[in-house]
């Protein structure tokens, strides 16, 4: 069975929904952000969820990305990504076409 793959980025994307994973002390959270520009007019304005529990943020981000038909990327500076969610990769680590 193939697991889902999500690109890890260092900055919020203007052309995709960004799931930002963060930590404040013992508190772990996720924030879903989607600029209006990424939604091709489906959103009337930029969207930000505010802080959500980690797993809820992940599930909601996937659901919203599918609903609005936008790509989803992940910012994870604190290494909070959970393997059960799928594979997190960086674009620059991907092999060039034909080198797979």
PDB file of N, CA and C in Angstrom:
ATOM      1  N   UNK A   1       0.845  -1.178   0.000  1.00  0.00           N
ATOM      2  CA  UNK A   1       0.000   0.000   0.000  1.00  0.00           C
ATOM      3  C   UNK A   1       0.890   1.240   0.000  1.00  0.00           C
ATOM      4  N   UNK A   2       0.590   2.177  -0.870  1.00  0.00           N
ATOM      5  CA  UNK A   2       1.365   3.401  -0.972  1.00  0.00           C
ATOM      6  C   UNK A   2       0.881   4.408   0.060  1.00  0.00           C
ATOM      7  N   UNK A   3       1.819   5.005   0.796  1.00  0.00           N
ATOM      8  CA  UNK A   3       1.426   6.016   1.775  1.00  0.00           C
ATOM      9  C   UNK A   3       1.370   7.391   1.092  1.00  0.00           C
ATOM     10  N   UNK A   4       0.644   8.299   1.710  1.00  0.00           N
ATOM     11  CA  UNK A   4       0.565   9.661   1.197  1.00  0.00           C
ATOM     12  C   UNK A   4       1.907  10.347   1.359  1.00  0.00           C
ATOM     13  N   UNK A   5       2.209  11.255   0.437  1.00  0.00           N
ATOM     14  CA  UNK A   5       3.471  12.003   0.491  1.00  0.00           C
ATOM     15  C   UNK A   5       3.146  13.485   0.546  1.00  0.00           C
ATOM     16  N   UNK A   6       3.870  14.203   1.400  1.00  0.00           N
ATOM     17  CA  UNK A   6       3.665  15.630   1.568  1.00  0.00           C
ATOM     18  C   UNK A   6       5.003  16.330   1.510  1.00  0.00           C
ATOM     19  N   UNK A   7       5.046  17.442   0.792  1.00  0.00           N
ATOM     20  CA  UNK A   7       6.289  18.191   0.669  1.00  0.00           C
ATOM     21  C   UNK A   7       6.513  19.065   1.902  1.00  0.00           C
ATOM     22  N   UNK A   8       7.726  19.018   2.430  1.00  0.00           N
ATOM     23  CA  UNK A   8       8.105  19.860   3.560  1.00  0.00           C
ATOM     24  C   UNK A   8       8.756  21.127   3.010  1.00  0.00           C
ATOM     25  N   UNK A   9       8.327  22.272   3.525  1.00  0.00           N
ATOM     26  CA  UNK A   9       8.847  23.567   3.086  1.00  0.00           C
ATOM     27  C   UNK A   9       9.309  24.359   4.306  1.00  0.00           C
ATOM     28  N   UNK A  10      10.072  25.415   4.052  1.00  0.00           N
ATOM     29  CA  UNK A  10      10.561  26.267   5.143  1.00  0.00           C
ATOM     30  C   UNK A  10       9.781  27.568   5.275  1.00  0.00           C
ATOM     31  N   UNK A  11       8.973  27.880   4.259  1.00  0.00           N
ATOM     32  CA  UNK A  11       8.175  29.115   4.266  1.00  0.00           C
ATOM     33  C   UNK A  11       6.769  28.802   3.795  1.00  0.00           C
ATOM     34  N   UNK A  12       5.821  29.629   4.212  1.00  0.00           N
ATOM     35  CA  UNK A  12       4.440  29.462   3.764  1.00  0.00           C
ATOM     36  C   UNK A  12       4.373  29.618   2.245  1.00  0.00           C
ATOM     37  N   UNK A  13       3.543  28.818   1.627  1.00  0.00           N
ATOM     38  CA  UNK A  13       3.424  28.830   0.164  1.00  0.00           C
ATOM     39  C   UNK A  13       2.293  29.753  -0.269  1.00  0.00           C
ATOM     40  N   UNK A  14       2.505  30.477  -1.353  1.00  0.00           N
ATOM     41  CA  UNK A  14       1.465  31.335  -1.920  1.00  0.00           C
ATOM     42  C   UNK A  14       0.565  30.564  -2.871  1.00  0.00           C
ATOM     43  N   UNK A  15       1.026  29.389  -3.334  1.00  0.00           N
ATOM     44  CA  UNK A  15       0.264  28.621  -4.311  1.00  0.00           C
ATOM     45  C   UNK A  15      -0.234  27.289  -3.753  1.00  0.00           C
ATOM     46  N   UNK A  16      -0.263  27.166  -2.417  1.00  0.00           N
ATOM     47  CA  UNK A  16      -0.705  25.911  -1.797  1.00  0.00           C
ATOM     48  C   UNK A  16      -1.205  26.190  -0.380  1.00  0.00           C
ATOM     49  N   UNK A  17      -1.943  25.234   0.160  1.00  0.00           N
ATOM     50  CA  UNK A  17      -2.327  25.284   1.564  1.00  0.00           C
ATOM     51  C   UNK A  17      -1.106  24.841   2.370  1.00  0.00           C
ATOM     52  N   UNK A  18      -0.831  25.530   3.457  1.00  0.00           N
ATOM     53  CA  UNK A  18       0.311  25.189   4.298  1.00  0.00           C
ATOM     54  C   UNK A  18      -0.186  24.728   5.664  1.00  0.00           C
ATOM     55  N   UNK A  19       0.256  23.556   6.068  1.00  0.00           N
ATOM     56  CA  UNK A  19       0.019  23.071   7.419  1.00  0.00           C
ATOM     57  C   UNK A  19       1.277  23.402   8.216  1.00  0.00           C
ATOM     58  N   UNK A  20       1.134  24.282   9.193  1.00  0.00           N
ATOM     59  CA  UNK A  20       2.265  24.705  10.019  1.00  0.00           C
ATOM     60  C   UNK A  20       2.182  23.955  11.351  1.00  0.00           C
ATOM     61  N   UNK A  21       3.187  23.144  11.643  1.00  0.00           N
ATOM     62  CA  UNK A  21       3.229  22.397  12.901  1.00  0.00           C
ATOM     63  C   UNK A  21       4.159  23.138  13.853  1.00  0.00           C
ATOM     64  N   UNK A  22       3.722  23.295  15.096  1.00  0.00           N
ATOM     65  CA  UNK A  22       4.543  24.049  16.032  1.00  0.00           C
ATOM     66  C   UNK A  22       4.410  23.552  17.463  1.00  0.00           C
ATOM     67  N   UNK A  23       5.258  24.123  18.301  1.00  0.00           N
ATOM     68  CA  UNK A  23       5.311  23.746  19.710  1.00  0.00           C
ATOM     69  C   UNK A  23       5.557  24.996  20.537  1.00  0.00           C
ATOM     70  N   UNK A  24       4.856  25.068  21.660  1.00  0.00           N
ATOM     71  CA  UNK A  24       5.088  26.101  22.666  1.00  0.00           C
ATOM     72  C   UNK A  24       5.191  25.374  23.992  1.00  0.00           C
ATOM     73  N   UNK A  25       6.397  25.187  24.476  1.00  0.00           N
ATOM     74  CA  UNK A  25       6.590  24.387  25.686  1.00  0.00           C
ATOM     75  C   UNK A  25       6.142  22.970  25.428  1.00  0.00           C
ATOM     76  N   UNK A  26       5.222  22.464  26.221  1.00  0.00           N
ATOM     77  CA  UNK A  26       4.694  21.108  26.049  1.00  0.00           C
ATOM     78  C   UNK A  26       3.535  21.064  25.062  1.00  0.00           C
ATOM     79  N   UNK A  27       2.989  22.210  24.714  1.00  0.00           N
ATOM     80  CA  UNK A  27       1.830  22.280  23.820  1.00  0.00           C
ATOM     81  C   UNK A  27       2.268  22.112  22.365  1.00  0.00           C
ATOM     82  N   UNK A  28       1.636  21.171  21.662  1.00  0.00           N
ATOM     83  CA  UNK A  28       1.883  20.967  20.235  1.00  0.00           C
ATOM     84  C   UNK A  28       0.610  21.332  19.494  1.00  0.00           C
ATOM     85  N   UNK A  29       0.753  21.968  18.334  1.00  0.00           N
ATOM     86  CA  UNK A  29      -0.422  22.441  17.605  1.00  0.00           C
ATOM     87  C   UNK A  29      -0.129  22.487  16.105  1.00  0.00           C
ATOM     88  N   UNK A  30      -1.174  22.651  15.357  1.00  0.00           N
ATOM     89  CA  UNK A  30      -1.065  22.860  13.923  1.00  0.00           C
ATOM     90  C   UNK A  30      -1.928  24.043  13.525  1.00  0.00           C
ATOM     91  N   UNK A  31      -1.506  24.761  12.519  1.00  0.00           N
ATOM     92  CA  UNK A  31      -2.263  25.878  11.968  1.00  0.00           C
ATOM     93  C   UNK A  31      -2.379  25.639  10.465  1.00  0.00           C
ATOM     94  N   UNK A  32      -3.589  25.769   9.949  1.00  0.00           N
ATOM     95  CA  UNK A  32      -3.824  25.617   8.513  1.00  0.00           C
ATOM     96  C   UNK A  32      -3.923  27.007   7.916  1.00  0.00           C
ATOM     97  N   UNK A  33      -3.119  27.261   6.887  1.00  0.00           N
ATOM     98  CA  UNK A  33      -3.155  28.562   6.221  1.00  0.00           C
ATOM     99  C   UNK A  33      -3.291  28.351   4.723  1.00  0.00           C
ATOM    100  N   UNK A  34      -4.197  29.112   4.135  1.00  0.00           N
ATOM    101  CA  UNK A  34      -4.379  29.023   2.692  1.00  0.00           C
ATOM    102  C   UNK A  34      -4.616  30.426   2.150  1.00  0.00           C
ATOM    103  N   UNK A  35      -3.700  30.935   1.348  1.00  0.00           N
ATOM    104  CA  UNK A  35      -3.924  32.245   0.758  1.00  0.00           C
ATOM    105  C   UNK A  35      -5.016  32.165  -0.313  1.00  0.00           C
ATOM    106  N   UNK A  36      -5.760  33.218  -0.449  1.00  0.00           N
ATOM    107  CA  UNK A  36      -6.814  33.284  -1.464  1.00  0.00           C
ATOM    108  C   UNK A  36      -6.237  32.943  -2.836  1.00  0.00           C
ATOM    109  N   UNK A  37      -5.014  33.395  -3.102  1.00  0.00           N
ATOM    110  CA  UNK A  37      -4.379  33.186  -4.406  1.00  0.00           C
ATOM    111  C   UNK A  37      -4.220  31.707  -4.759  1.00  0.00           C
ATOM    112  N   UNK A  38      -4.141  30.838  -3.761  1.00  0.00           N
ATOM    113  CA  UNK A  38      -3.969  29.406  -4.017  1.00  0.00           C
ATOM    114  C   UNK A  38      -5.291  28.726  -4.369  1.00  0.00           C
ATOM    115  N   UNK A  39      -6.403  29.343  -4.005  1.00  0.00           N
ATOM    116  CA  UNK A  39      -7.704  28.684  -4.146  1.00  0.00           C
ATOM    117  C   UNK A  39      -8.388  28.950  -5.478  1.00  0.00           C
ATOM    118  N   UNK A  40      -7.776  29.721  -6.340  1.00  0.00           N
ATOM    119  CA  UNK A  40      -8.351  30.051  -7.643  1.00  0.00           C
ATOM    120  C   UNK A  40      -9.786  30.557  -7.503  1.00  0.00           C
ATOM    121  N   UNK A  41      -9.975  31.461  -6.547  1.00  0.00           N
ATOM    122  CA  UNK A  41     -11.271  32.092  -6.355  1.00  0.00           C
ATOM    123  C   UNK A  41     -12.255  31.332  -5.490  1.00  0.00           C
ATOM    124  N   UNK A  42     -11.885  30.161  -4.988  1.00  0.00           N
ATOM    125  CA  UNK A  42     -12.804  29.389  -4.146  1.00  0.00           C
ATOM    126  C   UNK A  42     -12.916  29.971  -2.738  1.00  0.00           C
ATOM    127  N   UNK A  43     -11.883  30.696  -2.307  1.00  0.00           N
ATOM    128  CA  UNK A  43     -11.917  31.369  -1.002  1.00  0.00           C
ATOM    129  C   UNK A  43     -12.067  32.866  -1.229  1.00  0.00           C
ATOM    130  N   UNK A  44     -12.942  33.525  -0.477  1.00  0.00           N
ATOM    131  CA  UNK A  44     -13.112  34.972  -0.655  1.00  0.00           C
ATOM    132  C   UNK A  44     -11.956  35.793  -0.073  1.00  0.00           C
ATOM    133  N   UNK A  45     -11.191  35.184   0.874  1.00  0.00           N
ATOM    134  CA  UNK A  45     -10.050  35.874   1.479  1.00  0.00           C
ATOM    135  C   UNK A  45      -9.064  34.836   2.001  1.00  0.00           C
ATOM    136  N   UNK A  46      -7.888  35.286   2.400  1.00  0.00           N
ATOM    137  CA  UNK A  46      -6.900  34.378   2.994  1.00  0.00           C
ATOM    138  C   UNK A  46      -7.526  33.679   4.198  1.00  0.00           C
ATOM    139  N   UNK A  47      -7.160  32.415   4.403  1.00  0.00           N
ATOM    140  CA  UNK A  47      -7.718  31.617   5.495  1.00  0.00           C
ATOM    141  C   UNK A  47      -6.624  31.203   6.456  1.00  0.00           C
ATOM    142  N   UNK A  48      -6.896  31.311   7.756  1.00  0.00           N
ATOM    143  CA  UNK A  48      -6.019  30.783   8.792  1.00  0.00           C
ATOM    144  C   UNK A  48      -6.901  30.190   9.885  1.00  0.00           C
ATOM    145  N   UNK A  49      -6.608  28.956  10.263  1.00  0.00           N
ATOM    146  CA  UNK A  49      -7.449  28.239  11.226  1.00  0.00           C
ATOM    147  C   UNK A  49      -7.228  28.659  12.669  1.00  0.00           C
ATOM    148  N   UNK A  50      -6.096  29.255  12.972  1.00  0.00           N
ATOM    149  CA  UNK A  50      -5.716  29.406  14.366  1.00  0.00           C
ATOM    150  C   UNK A  50      -5.167  28.074  14.851  1.00  0.00           C
ATOM    151  N   UNK A  51      -4.728  28.019  16.083  1.00  0.00           N
ATOM    152  CA  UNK A  51      -4.109  26.799  16.612  1.00  0.00           C
ATOM    153  C   UNK A  51      -5.145  25.705  16.837  1.00  0.00           C
ATOM    154  N   UNK A  52      -4.809  24.508  16.339  1.00  0.00           N
ATOM    155  CA  UNK A  52      -5.643  23.322  16.516  1.00  0.00           C
ATOM    156  C   UNK A  52      -4.773  22.207  17.085  1.00  0.00           C
ATOM    157  N   UNK A  53      -5.375  21.223  17.770  1.00  0.00           N
ATOM    158  CA  UNK A  53      -4.598  20.060  18.185  1.00  0.00           C
ATOM    159  C   UNK A  53      -3.945  19.430  16.950  1.00  0.00           C
ATOM    160  N   UNK A  54      -2.755  18.884  17.124  1.00  0.00           N
ATOM    161  CA  UNK A  54      -1.938  18.393  16.021  1.00  0.00           C
ATOM    162  C   UNK A  54      -2.688  17.483  15.050  1.00  0.00           C
ATOM    163  N   UNK A  55      -3.264  16.406  15.550  1.00  0.00           N
ATOM    164  CA  UNK A  55      -3.935  15.440  14.676  1.00  0.00           C
ATOM    165  C   UNK A  55      -5.146  16.062  13.985  1.00  0.00           C
ATOM    166  N   UNK A  56      -5.897  16.879  14.713  1.00  0.00           N
ATOM    167  CA  UNK A  56      -7.058  17.557  14.119  1.00  0.00           C
ATOM    168  C   UNK A  56      -6.617  18.505  13.006  1.00  0.00           C
ATOM    169  N   UNK A  57      -5.510  19.197  13.206  1.00  0.00           N
ATOM    170  CA  UNK A  57      -5.000  20.107  12.178  1.00  0.00           C
ATOM    171  C   UNK A  57      -4.620  19.339  10.924  1.00  0.00           C
ATOM    172  N   UNK A  58      -3.931  18.212  11.081  1.00  0.00           N
ATOM    173  CA  UNK A  58      -3.549  17.405   9.927  1.00  0.00           C
ATOM    174  C   UNK A  58      -4.781  16.919   9.175  1.00  0.00           C
ATOM    175  N   UNK A  59      -5.716  16.310   9.875  1.00  0.00           N
ATOM    176  CA  UNK A  59      -6.915  15.777   9.222  1.00  0.00           C
ATOM    177  C   UNK A  59      -7.713  16.882   8.532  1.00  0.00           C
ATOM    178  N   UNK A  60      -7.859  18.009   9.189  1.00  0.00           N
ATOM    179  CA  UNK A  60      -8.610  19.127   8.607  1.00  0.00           C
ATOM    180  C   UNK A  60      -7.908  19.703   7.385  1.00  0.00           C
ATOM    181  N   UNK A  61      -6.576  19.789   7.440  1.00  0.00           N
ATOM    182  CA  UNK A  61      -5.816  20.320   6.306  1.00  0.00           C
ATOM    183  C   UNK A  61      -5.989  19.432   5.081  1.00  0.00           C
ATOM    184  N   UNK A  62      -5.909  18.130   5.266  1.00  0.00           N
ATOM    185  CA  UNK A  62      -6.081  17.196   4.145  1.00  0.00           C
ATOM    186  C   UNK A  62      -7.490  17.336   3.576  1.00  0.00           C
ATOM    187  N   UNK A  63      -8.486  17.367   4.453  1.00  0.00           N
ATOM    188  CA  UNK A  63      -9.876  17.495   4.013  1.00  0.00           C
ATOM    189  C   UNK A  63     -10.094  18.801   3.240  1.00  0.00           C
ATOM    190  N   UNK A  64      -9.589  19.910   3.778  1.00  0.00           N
ATOM    191  CA  UNK A  64      -9.767  21.199   3.111  1.00  0.00           C
ATOM    192  C   UNK A  64      -8.999  21.280   1.791  1.00  0.00           C
ATOM    193  N   UNK A  65      -7.794  20.738   1.757  1.00  0.00           N
ATOM    194  CA  UNK A  65      -7.016  20.746   0.512  1.00  0.00           C
ATOM    195  C   UNK A  65      -7.761  19.978  -0.574  1.00  0.00           C
ATOM    196  N   UNK A  66      -8.346  18.855  -0.209  1.00  0.00           N
ATOM    197  CA  UNK A  66      -9.132  18.086  -1.182  1.00  0.00           C
ATOM    198  C   UNK A  66     -10.396  18.836  -1.594  1.00  0.00           C
ATOM    199  N   UNK A  67     -11.066  19.429  -0.624  1.00  0.00           N
ATOM    200  CA  UNK A  67     -12.307  20.159  -0.899  1.00  0.00           C
ATOM    201  C   UNK A  67     -12.067  21.357  -1.815  1.00  0.00           C
ATOM    202  N   UNK A  68     -11.000  22.113  -1.554  1.00  0.00           N
ATOM    203  CA  UNK A  68     -10.708  23.311  -2.354  1.00  0.00           C
ATOM    204  C   UNK A  68      -9.807  23.013  -3.550  1.00  0.00           C
ATOM    205  N   UNK A  69      -9.416  21.741  -3.678  1.00  0.00           N
ATOM    206  CA  UNK A  69      -8.583  21.304  -4.804  1.00  0.00           C
ATOM    207  C   UNK A  69      -7.296  22.131  -4.927  1.00  0.00           C
ATOM    208  N   UNK A  70      -6.599  22.231  -3.781  1.00  0.00           N
ATOM    209  CA  UNK A  70      -5.315  22.926  -3.741  1.00  0.00           C
ATOM    210  C   UNK A  70      -4.252  21.968  -3.195  1.00  0.00           C
ATOM    211  N   UNK A  71      -3.002  22.125  -3.630  1.00  0.00           N
ATOM    212  CA  UNK A  71      -1.944  21.297  -3.053  1.00  0.00           C
ATOM    213  C   UNK A  71      -1.721  21.667  -1.581  1.00  0.00           C
ATOM    214  N   UNK A  72      -1.151  20.738  -0.836  1.00  0.00           N
ATOM    215  CA  UNK A  72      -0.860  20.979   0.583  1.00  0.00           C
ATOM    216  C   UNK A  72       0.619  20.734   0.833  1.00  0.00           C
ATOM    217  N   UNK A  73       1.254  21.662   1.535  1.00  0.00           N
ATOM    218  CA  UNK A  73       2.648  21.511   1.949  1.00  0.00           C
ATOM    219  C   UNK A  73       2.708  21.635   3.468  1.00  0.00           C
ATOM    220  N   UNK A  74       3.840  21.268   4.046  1.00  0.00           N
ATOM    221  CA  UNK A  74       3.972  21.217   5.505  1.00  0.00           C
ATOM    222  C   UNK A  74       5.221  21.962   5.964  1.00  0.00           C
ATOM    223  N   UNK A  75       5.042  22.849   6.937  1.00  0.00           N
ATOM    224  CA  UNK A  75       6.174  23.463   7.658  1.00  0.00           C
ATOM    225  C   UNK A  75       6.264  22.743   8.994  1.00  0.00           C
ATOM    226  N   UNK A  76       7.441  22.191   9.295  1.00  0.00           N
ATOM    227  CA  UNK A  76       7.595  21.405  10.520  1.00  0.00           C
ATOM    228  C   UNK A  76       8.956  21.673  11.162  1.00  0.00           C
ATOM    229  N   UNK A  77       9.183  22.898  11.647  1.00  0.00           N
ATOM    230  CA  UNK A  77      10.496  23.222  12.207  1.00  0.00           C
ATOM    231  C   UNK A  77      10.828  22.468  13.495  1.00  0.00           C
ATOM    232  N   UNK A  78       9.809  21.945  14.188  1.00  0.00           N
ATOM    233  CA  UNK A  78      10.034  21.252  15.461  1.00  0.00           C
ATOM    234  C   UNK A  78       9.974  19.727  15.335  1.00  0.00           C
ATOM    235  N   UNK A  79       9.955  19.223  14.102  1.00  0.00           N
ATOM    236  CA  UNK A  79       9.916  17.771  13.854  1.00  0.00           C
ATOM    237  C   UNK A  79       8.765  17.081  14.581  1.00  0.00           C
ATOM    238  N   UNK A  80       7.559  17.577  14.367  1.00  0.00           N
ATOM    239  CA  UNK A  80       6.374  17.016  15.000  1.00  0.00           C
ATOM    240  C   UNK A  80       5.599  16.071  14.085  1.00  0.00           C
ATOM    241  N   UNK A  81       6.022  15.959  12.828  1.00  0.00           N
ATOM    242  CA  UNK A  81       5.343  15.102  11.859  1.00  0.00           C
ATOM    243  C   UNK A  81       5.264  13.677  12.386  1.00  0.00           C
ATOM    244  N   UNK A  82       4.112  13.045  12.215  1.00  0.00           N
ATOM    245  CA  UNK A  82       3.921  11.669  12.676  1.00  0.00           C
ATOM    246  C   UNK A  82       3.928  10.724  11.478  1.00  0.00           C
ATOM    247  N   UNK A  83       4.734   9.693  11.532  1.00  0.00           N
ATOM    248  CA  UNK A  83       4.923   8.763  10.420  1.00  0.00           C
ATOM    249  C   UNK A  83       3.604   8.156   9.936  1.00  0.00           C
ATOM    250  N   UNK A  84       2.649   7.979  10.825  1.00  0.00           N
ATOM    251  CA  UNK A  84       1.363   7.385  10.436  1.00  0.00           C
ATOM    252  C   UNK A  84       0.593   8.260   9.443  1.00  0.00           C
ATOM    253  N   UNK A  85       0.968   9.546   9.332  1.00  0.00           N
ATOM    254  CA  UNK A  85       0.299  10.453   8.395  1.00  0.00           C
ATOM    255  C   UNK A  85       0.798  10.274   6.968  1.00  0.00           C
ATOM    256  N   UNK A  86       1.954   9.668   6.789  1.00  0.00           N
ATOM    257  CA  UNK A  86       2.524   9.491   5.463  1.00  0.00           C
ATOM    258  C   UNK A  86       3.974   9.941   5.447  1.00  0.00           C
ATOM    259  N   UNK A  87       4.495  10.071   4.258  1.00  0.00           N
ATOM    260  CA  UNK A  87       5.907  10.443   4.085  1.00  0.00           C
ATOM    261  C   UNK A  87       6.043  11.951   3.895  1.00  0.00           C
ATOM    262  N   UNK A  88       6.973  12.533   4.615  1.00  0.00           N
ATOM    263  CA  UNK A  88       7.305  13.948   4.479  1.00  0.00           C
ATOM    264  C   UNK A  88       8.627  14.026   3.727  1.00  0.00           C
ATOM    265  N   UNK A  89       8.657  14.757   2.622  1.00  0.00           N
ATOM    266  CA  UNK A  89       9.871  14.842   1.811  1.00  0.00           C
ATOM    267  C   UNK A  89      10.158  16.291   1.441  1.00  0.00           C
ATOM    268  N   UNK A  90      11.385  16.531   1.027  1.00  0.00           N
ATOM    269  CA  UNK A  90      11.781  17.852   0.532  1.00  0.00           C
ATOM    270  C   UNK A  90      11.969  17.763  -0.973  1.00  0.00           C
ATOM    271  N   UNK A  91      11.511  18.738  -1.697  1.00  0.00           N
ATOM    272  CA  UNK A  91      11.584  18.768  -3.156  1.00  0.00           C
ATOM    273  C   UNK A  91      13.010  18.568  -3.640  1.00  0.00           C
ATOM    274  N   UNK A  92      13.978  19.246  -3.001  1.00  0.00           N
ATOM    275  CA  UNK A  92      15.365  19.160  -3.470  1.00  0.00           C
ATOM    276  C   UNK A  92      15.969  17.767  -3.257  1.00  0.00           C
ATOM    277  N   UNK A  93      15.318  16.933  -2.426  1.00  0.00           N
ATOM    278  CA  UNK A  93      15.818  15.576  -2.197  1.00  0.00           C
ATOM    279  C   UNK A  93      15.254  14.564  -3.198  1.00  0.00           C
ATOM    280  N   UNK A  94      14.318  15.005  -4.024  1.00  0.00           N
ATOM    281  CA  UNK A  94      13.705  14.120  -5.013  1.00  0.00           C
ATOM    282  C   UNK A  94      14.674  13.848  -6.154  1.00  0.00           C
ATOM    283  N   UNK A  95      14.758  12.607  -6.634  1.00  0.00           N
ATOM    284  CA  UNK A  95      15.630  12.316  -7.770  1.00  0.00           C
ATOM    285  C   UNK A  95      15.093  12.974  -9.046  1.00  0.00           C
ATOM    286  N   UNK A  96      15.973  13.364  -9.929  1.00  0.00           N
ATOM    287  CA  UNK A  96      15.571  13.937 -11.217  1.00  0.00           C
ATOM    288  C   UNK A  96      14.825  12.877 -12.015  1.00  0.00           C
ATOM    289  N   UNK A  97      13.954  13.334 -12.918  1.00  0.00           N
ATOM    290  CA  UNK A  97      13.215  12.400 -13.771  1.00  0.00           C
ATOM    291  C   UNK A  97      14.207  11.522 -14.514  1.00  0.00           C
ATOM    292  N   UNK A  98      13.949  10.248 -14.578  1.00  0.00           N
ATOM    293  CA  UNK A  98      14.838   9.313 -15.255  1.00  0.00           C
ATOM    294  C   UNK A  98      15.920   8.748 -14.350  1.00  0.00           C
ATOM    295  N   UNK A  99      16.071   9.254 -13.121  1.00  0.00           N
ATOM    296  CA  UNK A  99      17.100   8.765 -12.204  1.00  0.00           C
ATOM    297  C   UNK A  99      16.501   7.910 -11.097  1.00  0.00           C
ATOM    298  N   UNK A 100      15.249   7.562 -11.209  1.00  0.00           N
ATOM    299  CA  UNK A 100      14.578   6.780 -10.162  1.00  0.00           C
ATOM    300  C   UNK A 100      14.879   5.341 -10.266  1.00  0.00           C
TER     301      UNK A 100
END
